[in-house]
Amino acid sequence: MPGIHIAEDGQSAMTDQTAGQAETVVGEADNATAPEAEARREAAEFKDKLLRTLAEMENLRKRTEREVTDARLYGTAGFARDVLAVADNMHRALAAIGPELREAADAKVKAFIEGVELTERELLKMLEKNGVKKFSPLGEKFDPNVHQAMYEVQTSDQPPGHVAQVIQAGYMIGDRVLRPALVAVSKAAARSPASANDNPPPDDTQ
């Protein structure tokens, strides 16, 4: 009937209008979402760049502190090495004065010797205050990183490969070797002929 056809046509028109409005709303929502997504992406990029910059700044700070510390500790290595020559000469001078000479010396000479000994102690304290420490590795296992072997010594007092004698003490500055210790390294003592024949071969004549 005509009335029914008119109602159907009106409903169809309303449906088309509603669909168009829905599409418009969805389109506007999509247009609103795109800038927001772009802003989030840019914010994530800025955050990543900021974190990278902060990490680089922290690494730079640590590296600068380490370089300053090394310069303060190891910057005097050349001067300290020169001072060691003075300390060595003082030690040799004192070592050359045996007990008999000390006993036979008069009061003035004894006072002079004591003054040299005091000066040597103060010099070592000054070096230690600046990170330089003396070490004498007698009896330790030979370490080529901190010891310099001068010769070998046959001895039964030390296991082979150990420091049997200290010719000249070594010095460290911080955790580095300022001057290696000059040492004599022990090796096994030669067996005497008697000890070599302790176990004679069996007699095959029997």
N, C-alpha and C. Protein backbone atom coordinates (compact mmCIF):
# COMPACT_ATOMS: atom_id res chain seq x y z
N MET A 1 0.85 -1.20 0.00
CA MET A 1 0.00 0.00 0.00
C MET A 1 0.88 1.24 0.00
N PRO A 2 0.30 2.36 -0.44
CA PRO A 2 1.12 3.56 -0.55
C PRO A 2 1.62 4.04 0.79
N GLY A 3 0.79 3.89 1.82
CA GLY A 3 1.25 4.36 3.15
C GLY A 3 2.44 3.59 3.65
N ILE A 4 2.36 2.34 3.41
CA ILE A 4 3.47 1.49 3.87
C ILE A 4 4.73 1.83 3.13
N HIS A 5 4.61 2.08 1.82
CA HIS A 5 5.81 2.40 1.03
C HIS A 5 6.41 3.70 1.49
N ILE A 6 5.55 4.63 1.90
CA ILE A 6 6.07 5.91 2.37
C ILE A 6 6.82 5.72 3.69
N ALA A 7 6.27 4.89 4.55
CA ALA A 7 6.94 4.64 5.85
C ALA A 7 8.28 3.97 5.64
N GLU A 8 8.31 3.03 4.72
CA GLU A 8 9.59 2.34 4.48
C GLU A 8 10.62 3.29 3.90
N ASP A 9 10.15 4.16 2.98
CA ASP A 9 11.10 5.10 2.40
C ASP A 9 11.62 6.07 3.45
N GLY A 10 10.78 6.50 4.37
CA GLY A 10 11.24 7.40 5.43
C GLY A 10 12.21 6.75 6.38
N GLN A 11 11.92 5.47 6.69
CA GLN A 11 12.86 4.74 7.58
C GLN A 11 14.21 4.56 6.92
N SER A 12 14.17 4.28 5.62
CA SER A 12 15.42 4.09 4.89
C SER A 12 16.22 5.38 4.86
N ALA A 13 15.52 6.50 4.70
CA ALA A 13 16.22 7.78 4.69
C ALA A 13 16.84 8.09 6.04
N MET A 14 16.10 7.79 7.08
CA MET A 14 16.64 8.02 8.43
C MET A 14 17.85 7.13 8.69
N THR A 15 17.79 5.90 8.23
CA THR A 15 18.91 4.97 8.43
C THR A 15 20.17 5.48 7.72
N ASP A 16 19.99 5.96 6.50
CA ASP A 16 21.14 6.48 5.75
C ASP A 16 21.73 7.71 6.45
N GLN A 17 20.86 8.55 6.99
CA GLN A 17 21.33 9.75 7.68
C GLN A 17 22.11 9.39 8.95
N THR A 18 21.56 8.39 9.70
CA THR A 18 22.24 7.94 10.93
C THR A 18 23.61 7.35 10.62
N ALA A 19 23.70 6.56 9.57
CA ALA A 19 24.98 5.95 9.18
C ALA A 19 25.98 7.03 8.81
N GLY A 20 25.48 8.06 8.10
CA GLY A 20 26.39 9.14 7.72
C GLY A 20 26.92 9.88 8.92
N GLN A 21 26.04 10.11 9.89
CA GLN A 21 26.48 10.79 11.11
C GLN A 21 27.52 9.96 11.87
N ALA A 22 27.29 8.61 11.92
CA ALA A 22 28.24 7.72 12.60
C ALA A 22 29.61 7.76 11.93
N GLU A 23 29.60 7.75 10.62
CA GLU A 23 30.88 7.80 9.90
C GLU A 23 31.60 9.12 10.17
N THR A 24 30.82 10.19 10.27
CA THR A 24 31.42 11.50 10.56
C THR A 24 32.07 11.50 11.93
N VAL A 25 31.37 10.92 12.93
CA VAL A 25 31.90 10.85 14.30
C VAL A 25 33.18 10.02 14.33
N VAL A 26 33.18 8.85 13.63
CA VAL A 26 34.37 7.99 13.59
C VAL A 26 35.52 8.72 12.93
N GLY A 27 35.23 9.43 11.85
CA GLY A 27 36.29 10.18 11.18
C GLY A 27 36.88 11.25 12.05
N GLU A 28 36.00 11.96 12.77
CA GLU A 28 36.51 12.99 13.68
C GLU A 28 37.35 12.37 14.80
N ALA A 29 36.94 11.18 15.30
CA ALA A 29 37.71 10.50 16.35
C ALA A 29 39.08 10.09 15.83
N ASP A 30 39.10 9.60 14.58
CA ASP A 30 40.39 9.21 14.00
C ASP A 30 41.29 10.43 13.83
N ASN A 31 40.70 11.54 13.39
CA ASN A 31 41.49 12.76 13.22
C ASN A 31 42.02 13.27 14.57
N ALA A 32 41.24 13.04 15.64
CA ALA A 32 41.69 13.47 16.97
C ALA A 32 42.75 12.54 17.52
N THR A 33 42.72 11.25 17.16
CA THR A 33 43.67 10.26 17.68
C THR A 33 45.04 10.41 17.02
N ALA A 34 45.11 10.76 15.77
CA ALA A 34 46.38 10.86 15.05
C ALA A 34 47.34 11.86 15.67
N PRO A 35 46.95 13.09 15.99
CA PRO A 35 47.88 14.02 16.66
C PRO A 35 48.30 13.53 18.04
N GLU A 36 47.40 12.87 18.75
CA GLU A 36 47.74 12.36 20.08
C GLU A 36 48.81 11.27 19.98
N ALA A 37 48.64 10.39 19.01
CA ALA A 37 49.65 9.33 18.81
C ALA A 37 50.99 9.92 18.42
N GLU A 38 50.96 10.96 17.56
CA GLU A 38 52.20 11.62 17.16
C GLU A 38 52.89 12.27 18.35
N ALA A 39 52.06 12.89 19.22
CA ALA A 39 52.62 13.54 20.41
C ALA A 39 53.24 12.51 21.34
N ARG A 40 52.60 11.36 21.49
CA ARG A 40 53.15 10.31 22.34
C ARG A 40 54.47 9.80 21.78
N ARG A 41 54.52 9.64 20.44
CA ARG A 41 55.75 9.15 19.82
C ARG A 41 56.89 10.14 20.03
N GLU A 42 56.60 11.43 19.85
CA GLU A 42 57.62 12.44 20.05
C GLU A 42 58.07 12.50 21.51
N ALA A 43 57.11 12.34 22.43
CA ALA A 43 57.46 12.34 23.85
C ALA A 43 58.37 11.16 24.19
N ALA A 44 58.09 9.99 23.59
CA ALA A 44 58.93 8.82 23.83
C ALA A 44 60.34 9.04 23.29
N GLU A 45 60.43 9.70 22.10
CA GLU A 45 61.75 9.98 21.53
C GLU A 45 62.53 10.96 22.41
N PHE A 46 61.84 12.01 22.89
CA PHE A 46 62.52 12.98 23.76
C PHE A 46 62.99 12.32 25.05
N LYS A 47 62.16 11.43 25.59
CA LYS A 47 62.54 10.73 26.82
C LYS A 47 63.77 9.87 26.60
N ASP A 48 63.80 9.15 25.46
CA ASP A 48 64.95 8.31 25.15
C ASP A 48 66.22 9.15 24.99
N LYS A 49 66.10 10.30 24.28
CA LYS A 49 67.25 11.18 24.13
C LYS A 49 67.71 11.75 25.47
N LEU A 50 66.77 12.07 26.33
CA LEU A 50 67.12 12.61 27.64
C LEU A 50 67.87 11.57 28.48
N LEU A 51 67.38 10.33 28.46
CA LEU A 51 68.04 9.27 29.22
C LEU A 51 69.44 9.00 28.69
N ARG A 52 69.59 9.03 27.36
CA ARG A 52 70.91 8.83 26.78
C ARG A 52 71.87 9.96 27.17
N THR A 53 71.36 11.18 27.15
CA THR A 53 72.19 12.34 27.52
C THR A 53 72.62 12.26 28.98
N LEU A 54 71.69 11.88 29.85
CA LEU A 54 72.01 11.75 31.28
C LEU A 54 73.05 10.65 31.50
N ALA A 55 72.93 9.54 30.77
CA ALA A 55 73.89 8.45 30.90
C ALA A 55 75.28 8.89 30.44
N GLU A 56 75.32 9.64 29.31
CA GLU A 56 76.61 10.14 28.81
C GLU A 56 77.24 11.13 29.79
N MET A 57 76.42 11.96 30.40
CA MET A 57 76.94 12.92 31.37
C MET A 57 77.48 12.21 32.60
N GLU A 58 76.81 11.14 33.04
CA GLU A 58 77.28 10.39 34.20
C GLU A 58 78.60 9.69 33.88
N ASN A 59 78.71 9.11 32.68
CA ASN A 59 79.97 8.47 32.27
C ASN A 59 81.10 9.49 32.19
N LEU A 60 80.79 10.69 31.68
CA LEU A 60 81.80 11.74 31.60
C LEU A 60 82.25 12.18 32.99
N ARG A 61 81.30 12.28 33.91
CA ARG A 61 81.65 12.67 35.28
C ARG A 61 82.57 11.64 35.92
N LYS A 62 82.25 10.35 35.76
CA LYS A 62 83.07 9.30 36.35
C LYS A 62 84.46 9.27 35.70
N ARG A 63 84.51 9.44 34.38
CA ARG A 63 85.80 9.43 33.70
C ARG A 63 86.66 10.61 34.12
N THR A 64 86.02 11.76 34.30
CA THR A 64 86.77 12.94 34.74
C THR A 64 87.31 12.76 36.15
N GLU A 65 86.48 12.20 37.04
CA GLU A 65 86.95 11.94 38.40
C GLU A 65 88.11 10.97 38.41
N ARG A 66 88.03 9.93 37.57
CA ARG A 66 89.11 8.95 37.51
C ARG A 66 90.39 9.57 36.98
N GLU A 67 90.28 10.43 35.95
CA GLU A 67 91.46 11.08 35.40
C GLU A 67 92.09 12.04 36.40
N VAL A 68 91.24 12.75 37.16
CA VAL A 68 91.77 13.66 38.18
C VAL A 68 92.49 12.89 39.26
N THR A 69 91.89 11.76 39.69
CA THR A 69 92.52 10.92 40.72
C THR A 69 93.85 10.37 40.23
N ASP A 70 93.88 9.87 38.99
CA ASP A 70 95.11 9.32 38.43
C ASP A 70 96.18 10.41 38.31
N ALA A 71 95.76 11.59 37.88
CA ALA A 71 96.73 12.68 37.75
C ALA A 71 97.30 13.08 39.11
N ARG A 72 96.44 13.07 40.13
CA ARG A 72 96.91 13.43 41.46
C ARG A 72 97.85 12.36 42.02
N LEU A 73 97.53 11.08 41.75
CA LEU A 73 98.32 10.00 42.32
C LEU A 73 99.56 9.70 41.52
N TYR A 74 99.41 9.61 40.19
CA TYR A 74 100.52 9.16 39.35
C TYR A 74 101.26 10.32 38.69
N GLY A 75 100.77 11.54 38.86
CA GLY A 75 101.45 12.68 38.25
C GLY A 75 102.82 12.95 38.85
N THR A 76 103.03 12.47 40.07
CA THR A 76 104.31 12.68 40.75
C THR A 76 105.25 11.48 40.60
N ALA A 77 104.90 10.55 39.71
CA ALA A 77 105.70 9.32 39.58
C ALA A 77 107.14 9.64 39.20
N GLY A 78 107.34 10.56 38.25
CA GLY A 78 108.69 10.91 37.83
C GLY A 78 109.51 11.51 38.96
N PHE A 79 108.89 12.42 39.70
CA PHE A 79 109.58 13.03 40.84
C PHE A 79 109.88 11.99 41.91
N ALA A 80 108.90 11.13 42.19
CA ALA A 80 109.10 10.10 43.22
C ALA A 80 110.23 9.15 42.83
N ARG A 81 110.31 8.83 41.54
CA ARG A 81 111.37 7.92 41.07
C ARG A 81 112.75 8.56 41.28
N ASP A 82 112.84 9.86 41.10
CA ASP A 82 114.12 10.56 41.34
C ASP A 82 114.46 10.59 42.83
N VAL A 83 113.44 10.75 43.66
CA VAL A 83 113.67 10.79 45.11
C VAL A 83 114.16 9.42 45.61
N LEU A 84 113.73 8.35 44.95
CA LEU A 84 114.16 7.01 45.36
C LEU A 84 115.68 6.87 45.29
N ALA A 85 116.31 7.53 44.34
CA ALA A 85 117.77 7.46 44.24
C ALA A 85 118.42 8.03 45.49
N VAL A 86 117.84 9.11 46.03
CA VAL A 86 118.36 9.68 47.28
C VAL A 86 118.16 8.70 48.42
N ALA A 87 116.97 8.10 48.50
CA ALA A 87 116.69 7.13 49.56
C ALA A 87 117.64 5.94 49.48
N ASP A 88 117.93 5.48 48.26
CA ASP A 88 118.85 4.34 48.09
C ASP A 88 120.25 4.69 48.58
N ASN A 89 120.72 5.87 48.25
CA ASN A 89 122.06 6.27 48.68
C ASN A 89 122.15 6.37 50.20
N MET A 90 121.11 6.90 50.82
CA MET A 90 121.12 6.98 52.28
C MET A 90 121.12 5.59 52.90
N HIS A 91 120.34 4.68 52.31
CA HIS A 91 120.29 3.31 52.84
C HIS A 91 121.65 2.62 52.68
N ARG A 92 122.29 2.81 51.55
CA ARG A 92 123.61 2.20 51.35
C ARG A 92 124.63 2.77 52.33
N ALA A 93 124.57 4.06 52.56
CA ALA A 93 125.51 4.67 53.50
C ALA A 93 125.33 4.11 54.91
N LEU A 94 124.08 3.92 55.32
CA LEU A 94 123.83 3.37 56.66
C LEU A 94 124.22 1.90 56.73
N ALA A 95 123.97 1.17 55.62
CA ALA A 95 124.32 -0.25 55.62
C ALA A 95 125.83 -0.46 55.66
N ALA A 96 126.60 0.51 55.15
CA ALA A 96 128.05 0.38 55.16
C ALA A 96 128.65 0.55 56.56
N ILE A 97 127.87 1.10 57.47
CA ILE A 97 128.35 1.29 58.85
C ILE A 97 127.96 0.06 59.66
N GLY A 98 128.92 -0.81 59.88
CA GLY A 98 128.65 -2.03 60.62
C GLY A 98 128.52 -1.79 62.11
N PRO A 99 128.12 -2.81 62.85
CA PRO A 99 127.97 -2.68 64.31
C PRO A 99 129.26 -2.27 65.00
N GLU A 100 130.38 -2.79 64.53
CA GLU A 100 131.66 -2.47 65.17
C GLU A 100 131.99 -0.98 65.01
N LEU A 101 131.74 -0.43 63.81
CA LEU A 101 132.01 0.99 63.60
C LEU A 101 131.08 1.86 64.46
N ARG A 102 129.86 1.41 64.63
CA ARG A 102 128.92 2.17 65.45
C ARG A 102 129.39 2.20 66.91
N GLU A 103 129.86 1.05 67.37
CA GLU A 103 130.30 0.99 68.76
C GLU A 103 131.57 1.81 68.98
N ALA A 104 132.46 1.80 67.99
CA ALA A 104 133.73 2.51 68.14
C ALA A 104 133.61 4.02 67.88
N ALA A 105 132.51 4.44 67.30
CA ALA A 105 132.36 5.86 66.96
C ALA A 105 132.16 6.70 68.21
N ASP A 106 132.61 7.93 68.14
CA ASP A 106 132.41 8.83 69.28
C ASP A 106 130.99 9.39 69.24
N ALA A 107 130.68 10.21 70.22
CA ALA A 107 129.31 10.71 70.37
C ALA A 107 128.85 11.53 69.17
N LYS A 108 129.76 12.33 68.60
CA LYS A 108 129.39 13.17 67.48
C LYS A 108 129.05 12.33 66.24
N VAL A 109 129.88 11.29 66.00
CA VAL A 109 129.63 10.43 64.84
C VAL A 109 128.33 9.65 65.04
N LYS A 110 128.08 9.17 66.28
CA LYS A 110 126.83 8.46 66.55
C LYS A 110 125.62 9.38 66.33
N ALA A 111 125.75 10.62 66.76
CA ALA A 111 124.66 11.57 66.55
C ALA A 111 124.44 11.82 65.07
N PHE A 112 125.53 11.85 64.31
CA PHE A 112 125.40 12.05 62.85
C PHE A 112 124.68 10.86 62.21
N ILE A 113 125.05 9.64 62.63
CA ILE A 113 124.41 8.43 62.10
C ILE A 113 122.92 8.42 62.43
N GLU A 114 122.61 8.77 63.67
CA GLU A 114 121.20 8.82 64.06
C GLU A 114 120.43 9.87 63.25
N GLY A 115 121.09 10.97 62.94
CA GLY A 115 120.45 11.99 62.13
C GLY A 115 120.15 11.50 60.72
N VAL A 116 121.09 10.74 60.14
CA VAL A 116 120.87 10.18 58.81
C VAL A 116 119.73 9.17 58.84
N GLU A 117 119.69 8.34 59.89
CA GLU A 117 118.61 7.36 60.02
C GLU A 117 117.26 8.06 60.15
N LEU A 118 117.21 9.13 60.92
CA LEU A 118 115.97 9.89 61.08
C LEU A 118 115.54 10.50 59.75
N THR A 119 116.51 11.02 59.01
CA THR A 119 116.19 11.60 57.72
C THR A 119 115.65 10.55 56.76
N GLU A 120 116.22 9.36 56.79
CA GLU A 120 115.73 8.28 55.92
C GLU A 120 114.30 7.92 56.29
N ARG A 121 113.99 7.81 57.57
CA ARG A 121 112.63 7.48 57.99
C ARG A 121 111.64 8.55 57.56
N GLU A 122 112.02 9.81 57.72
CA GLU A 122 111.14 10.90 57.32
C GLU A 122 110.93 10.91 55.80
N LEU A 123 111.97 10.58 55.07
CA LEU A 123 111.85 10.54 53.62
C LEU A 123 110.87 9.44 53.19
N LEU A 124 110.96 8.27 53.81
CA LEU A 124 110.04 7.18 53.50
C LEU A 124 108.61 7.53 53.89
N LYS A 125 108.45 8.24 55.02
CA LYS A 125 107.11 8.68 55.43
C LYS A 125 106.53 9.65 54.41
N MET A 126 107.38 10.56 53.92
CA MET A 126 106.92 11.52 52.93
C MET A 126 106.49 10.83 51.64
N LEU A 127 107.26 9.82 51.23
CA LEU A 127 106.90 9.07 50.03
C LEU A 127 105.59 8.31 50.23
N GLU A 128 105.45 7.69 51.39
CA GLU A 128 104.23 6.93 51.67
C GLU A 128 103.01 7.86 51.74
N LYS A 129 103.20 9.05 52.26
CA LYS A 129 102.12 10.02 52.32
C LYS A 129 101.63 10.38 50.93
N ASN A 130 102.51 10.30 49.95
CA ASN A 130 102.15 10.62 48.57
C ASN A 130 101.88 9.36 47.74
N GLY A 131 101.55 8.27 48.41
CA GLY A 131 101.13 7.06 47.73
C GLY A 131 102.23 6.12 47.32
N VAL A 132 103.47 6.38 47.74
CA VAL A 132 104.60 5.52 47.37
C VAL A 132 104.94 4.63 48.56
N LYS A 133 104.89 3.32 48.35
CA LYS A 133 105.16 2.37 49.43
C LYS A 133 106.31 1.44 49.06
N LYS A 134 107.16 1.20 50.04
CA LYS A 134 108.31 0.32 49.86
C LYS A 134 107.90 -1.11 50.16
N PHE A 135 108.43 -2.07 49.40
CA PHE A 135 108.15 -3.48 49.69
C PHE A 135 109.41 -4.30 49.50
N SER A 136 109.56 -5.29 50.36
CA SER A 136 110.71 -6.20 50.31
C SER A 136 110.16 -7.62 50.27
N PRO A 137 110.23 -8.29 49.12
CA PRO A 137 109.51 -9.56 48.92
C PRO A 137 110.28 -10.82 49.31
N LEU A 138 111.12 -10.74 50.31
CA LEU A 138 111.90 -11.92 50.70
C LEU A 138 110.97 -13.08 51.06
N GLY A 139 111.23 -14.24 50.45
CA GLY A 139 110.44 -15.43 50.74
C GLY A 139 109.17 -15.56 49.92
N GLU A 140 108.83 -14.53 49.14
CA GLU A 140 107.62 -14.60 48.33
C GLU A 140 107.91 -15.33 47.01
N LYS A 141 106.83 -15.82 46.39
CA LYS A 141 106.97 -16.45 45.08
C LYS A 141 107.34 -15.40 44.06
N PHE A 142 108.28 -15.73 43.19
CA PHE A 142 108.75 -14.76 42.21
C PHE A 142 107.61 -14.34 41.29
N ASP A 143 107.44 -13.03 41.14
CA ASP A 143 106.41 -12.45 40.29
C ASP A 143 107.07 -11.47 39.33
N PRO A 144 107.15 -11.80 38.04
CA PRO A 144 107.84 -10.92 37.09
C PRO A 144 107.18 -9.55 36.95
N ASN A 145 105.94 -9.40 37.43
CA ASN A 145 105.26 -8.11 37.33
C ASN A 145 105.81 -7.10 38.34
N VAL A 146 106.33 -7.58 39.47
CA VAL A 146 106.82 -6.67 40.50
C VAL A 146 108.26 -6.97 40.91
N HIS A 147 108.83 -8.07 40.41
CA HIS A 147 110.20 -8.44 40.76
C HIS A 147 111.05 -8.50 39.49
N GLN A 148 112.31 -8.16 39.64
CA GLN A 148 113.28 -8.29 38.55
C GLN A 148 114.39 -9.22 39.00
N ALA A 149 114.47 -10.38 38.36
CA ALA A 149 115.45 -11.39 38.74
C ALA A 149 116.84 -10.99 38.25
N MET A 150 117.82 -11.00 39.15
CA MET A 150 119.18 -10.68 38.80
C MET A 150 120.02 -11.94 38.58
N TYR A 151 119.77 -12.95 39.38
CA TYR A 151 120.47 -14.22 39.24
C TYR A 151 119.73 -15.27 40.06
N GLU A 152 120.16 -16.52 39.91
CA GLU A 152 119.56 -17.63 40.65
C GLU A 152 120.52 -18.08 41.75
N VAL A 153 119.94 -18.62 42.80
CA VAL A 153 120.71 -19.08 43.95
C VAL A 153 120.27 -20.51 44.28
N GLN A 154 121.25 -21.41 44.38
CA GLN A 154 120.93 -22.76 44.83
C GLN A 154 120.78 -22.76 46.35
N THR A 155 119.62 -23.13 46.82
CA THR A 155 119.38 -23.13 48.25
C THR A 155 118.26 -24.10 48.60
N SER A 156 118.35 -24.62 49.78
CA SER A 156 117.28 -25.48 50.30
C SER A 156 116.41 -24.73 51.30
N ASP A 157 116.74 -23.45 51.55
CA ASP A 157 115.97 -22.66 52.51
C ASP A 157 114.65 -22.17 51.92
N GLN A 158 114.59 -22.04 50.59
CA GLN A 158 113.38 -21.56 49.93
C GLN A 158 112.99 -22.56 48.84
N PRO A 159 111.70 -22.74 48.61
CA PRO A 159 111.28 -23.58 47.48
C PRO A 159 111.75 -22.96 46.16
N PRO A 160 111.96 -23.75 45.15
CA PRO A 160 112.38 -23.19 43.86
C PRO A 160 111.36 -22.17 43.35
N GLY A 161 111.89 -21.11 42.73
CA GLY A 161 111.02 -20.09 42.17
C GLY A 161 110.57 -19.04 43.17
N HIS A 162 111.23 -18.98 44.33
CA HIS A 162 110.90 -17.97 45.34
C HIS A 162 112.06 -16.98 45.48
N VAL A 163 111.77 -15.86 46.12
CA VAL A 163 112.78 -14.83 46.32
C VAL A 163 113.69 -15.25 47.47
N ALA A 164 114.95 -15.55 47.14
CA ALA A 164 115.91 -15.99 48.15
C ALA A 164 116.66 -14.81 48.75
N GLN A 165 116.88 -13.76 47.96
CA GLN A 165 117.58 -12.56 48.44
C GLN A 165 116.94 -11.33 47.80
N VAL A 166 116.92 -10.25 48.57
CA VAL A 166 116.45 -8.97 48.05
C VAL A 166 117.66 -8.06 47.91
N ILE A 167 118.05 -7.80 46.69
CA ILE A 167 119.21 -6.96 46.42
C ILE A 167 118.86 -5.48 46.58
N GLN A 168 117.68 -5.13 46.12
CA GLN A 168 117.21 -3.75 46.24
C GLN A 168 115.68 -3.78 46.38
N ALA A 169 115.17 -3.10 47.40
CA ALA A 169 113.73 -3.09 47.65
C ALA A 169 112.99 -2.43 46.49
N GLY A 170 111.75 -2.82 46.33
CA GLY A 170 110.91 -2.24 45.29
C GLY A 170 109.96 -1.20 45.87
N TYR A 171 109.31 -0.46 44.99
CA TYR A 171 108.36 0.58 45.42
C TYR A 171 107.13 0.54 44.53
N MET A 172 105.98 0.72 45.15
CA MET A 172 104.70 0.82 44.46
C MET A 172 104.16 2.24 44.62
N ILE A 173 103.47 2.73 43.60
CA ILE A 173 102.75 3.99 43.70
C ILE A 173 101.29 3.68 43.37
N GLY A 174 100.45 3.76 44.36
CA GLY A 174 99.08 3.29 44.19
C GLY A 174 99.09 1.80 43.95
N ASP A 175 98.46 1.37 42.87
CA ASP A 175 98.48 -0.06 42.52
C ASP A 175 99.41 -0.35 41.35
N ARG A 176 100.33 0.58 41.06
CA ARG A 176 101.28 0.40 39.97
C ARG A 176 102.70 0.25 40.53
N VAL A 177 103.54 -0.41 39.73
CA VAL A 177 104.93 -0.59 40.13
C VAL A 177 105.71 0.66 39.75
N LEU A 178 106.26 1.32 40.77
CA LEU A 178 107.13 2.47 40.50
C LEU A 178 108.53 1.98 40.16
N ARG A 179 108.99 0.97 40.91
CA ARG A 179 110.28 0.36 40.63
C ARG A 179 110.25 -1.08 41.13
N PRO A 180 110.54 -2.06 40.26
CA PRO A 180 110.51 -3.45 40.71
C PRO A 180 111.64 -3.74 41.69
N ALA A 181 111.41 -4.72 42.54
CA ALA A 181 112.44 -5.14 43.48
C ALA A 181 113.47 -6.00 42.74
N LEU A 182 114.75 -5.73 42.98
CA LEU A 182 115.82 -6.54 42.41
C LEU A 182 116.07 -7.72 43.34
N VAL A 183 115.92 -8.92 42.81
CA VAL A 183 115.95 -10.11 43.68
C VAL A 183 116.81 -11.21 43.07
N ALA A 184 117.17 -12.14 43.94
CA ALA A 184 117.79 -13.40 43.53
C ALA A 184 116.75 -14.49 43.73
N VAL A 185 116.58 -15.34 42.73
CA VAL A 185 115.54 -16.37 42.74
C VAL A 185 116.16 -17.71 43.11
N SER A 186 115.47 -18.42 43.97
CA SER A 186 115.97 -19.72 44.43
C SER A 186 115.75 -20.80 43.39
N LYS A 187 116.68 -21.73 43.37
CA LYS A 187 116.50 -22.93 42.56
C LYS A 187 116.97 -24.12 43.39
N ALA A 188 116.54 -25.30 42.98
CA ALA A 188 116.84 -26.50 43.76
C ALA A 188 118.35 -26.70 43.88
N ALA A 189 118.79 -27.03 45.08
CA ALA A 189 120.21 -27.29 45.31
C ALA A 189 120.63 -28.56 44.59
N ALA A 190 121.87 -28.56 44.09
CA ALA A 190 122.39 -29.73 43.38
C ALA A 190 122.56 -30.88 44.36
N ARG A 191 122.20 -32.06 43.94
CA ARG A 191 122.34 -33.24 44.78
C ARG A 191 123.81 -33.65 44.83
N SER A 192 124.24 -33.97 46.02
CA SER A 192 125.63 -34.41 46.19
C SER A 192 125.80 -35.82 45.66
N PRO A 193 127.05 -36.21 45.30
CA PRO A 193 127.26 -37.59 44.81
C PRO A 193 126.80 -38.63 45.80
N ALA A 194 126.97 -38.36 47.09
CA ALA A 194 126.55 -39.35 48.09
C ALA A 194 125.06 -39.54 48.06
N SER A 195 124.30 -38.44 47.95
CA SER A 195 122.85 -38.56 47.93
C SER A 195 122.38 -39.19 46.64
N ALA A 196 123.15 -38.97 45.55
CA ALA A 196 122.77 -39.58 44.28
C ALA A 196 122.94 -41.09 44.32
N ASN A 197 123.83 -41.58 45.20
CA ASN A 197 124.07 -43.03 45.30
C ASN A 197 123.36 -43.64 46.50
N ASP A 198 122.38 -42.93 47.04
CA ASP A 198 121.66 -43.48 48.19
C ASP A 198 120.93 -44.75 47.82
N ASN A 199 120.48 -44.85 46.59
CA ASN A 199 119.76 -46.05 46.14
C ASN A 199 120.54 -46.66 44.98
N PRO A 200 121.59 -47.44 45.27
CA PRO A 200 122.40 -48.04 44.20
C PRO A 200 121.60 -49.04 43.41
N PRO A 201 121.97 -49.23 42.14
CA PRO A 201 121.23 -50.21 41.30
C PRO A 201 121.42 -51.61 41.86
N PRO A 202 120.47 -52.51 41.62
CA PRO A 202 120.58 -53.89 42.12
C PRO A 202 121.76 -54.62 41.51
N ASP A 203 122.33 -55.52 42.27
CA ASP A 203 123.48 -56.32 41.81
C ASP A 203 122.99 -57.45 40.96
N ASP A 204 123.35 -57.45 39.66
CA ASP A 204 122.90 -58.49 38.74
C ASP A 204 123.80 -59.73 38.76
N THR A 205 124.88 -59.69 39.56
CA THR A 205 125.83 -60.83 39.56
C THR A 205 125.29 -61.97 40.39
N GLN A 206 124.28 -61.67 41.25
CA GLN A 206 123.79 -62.76 42.11
C GLN A 206 122.86 -63.66 41.32
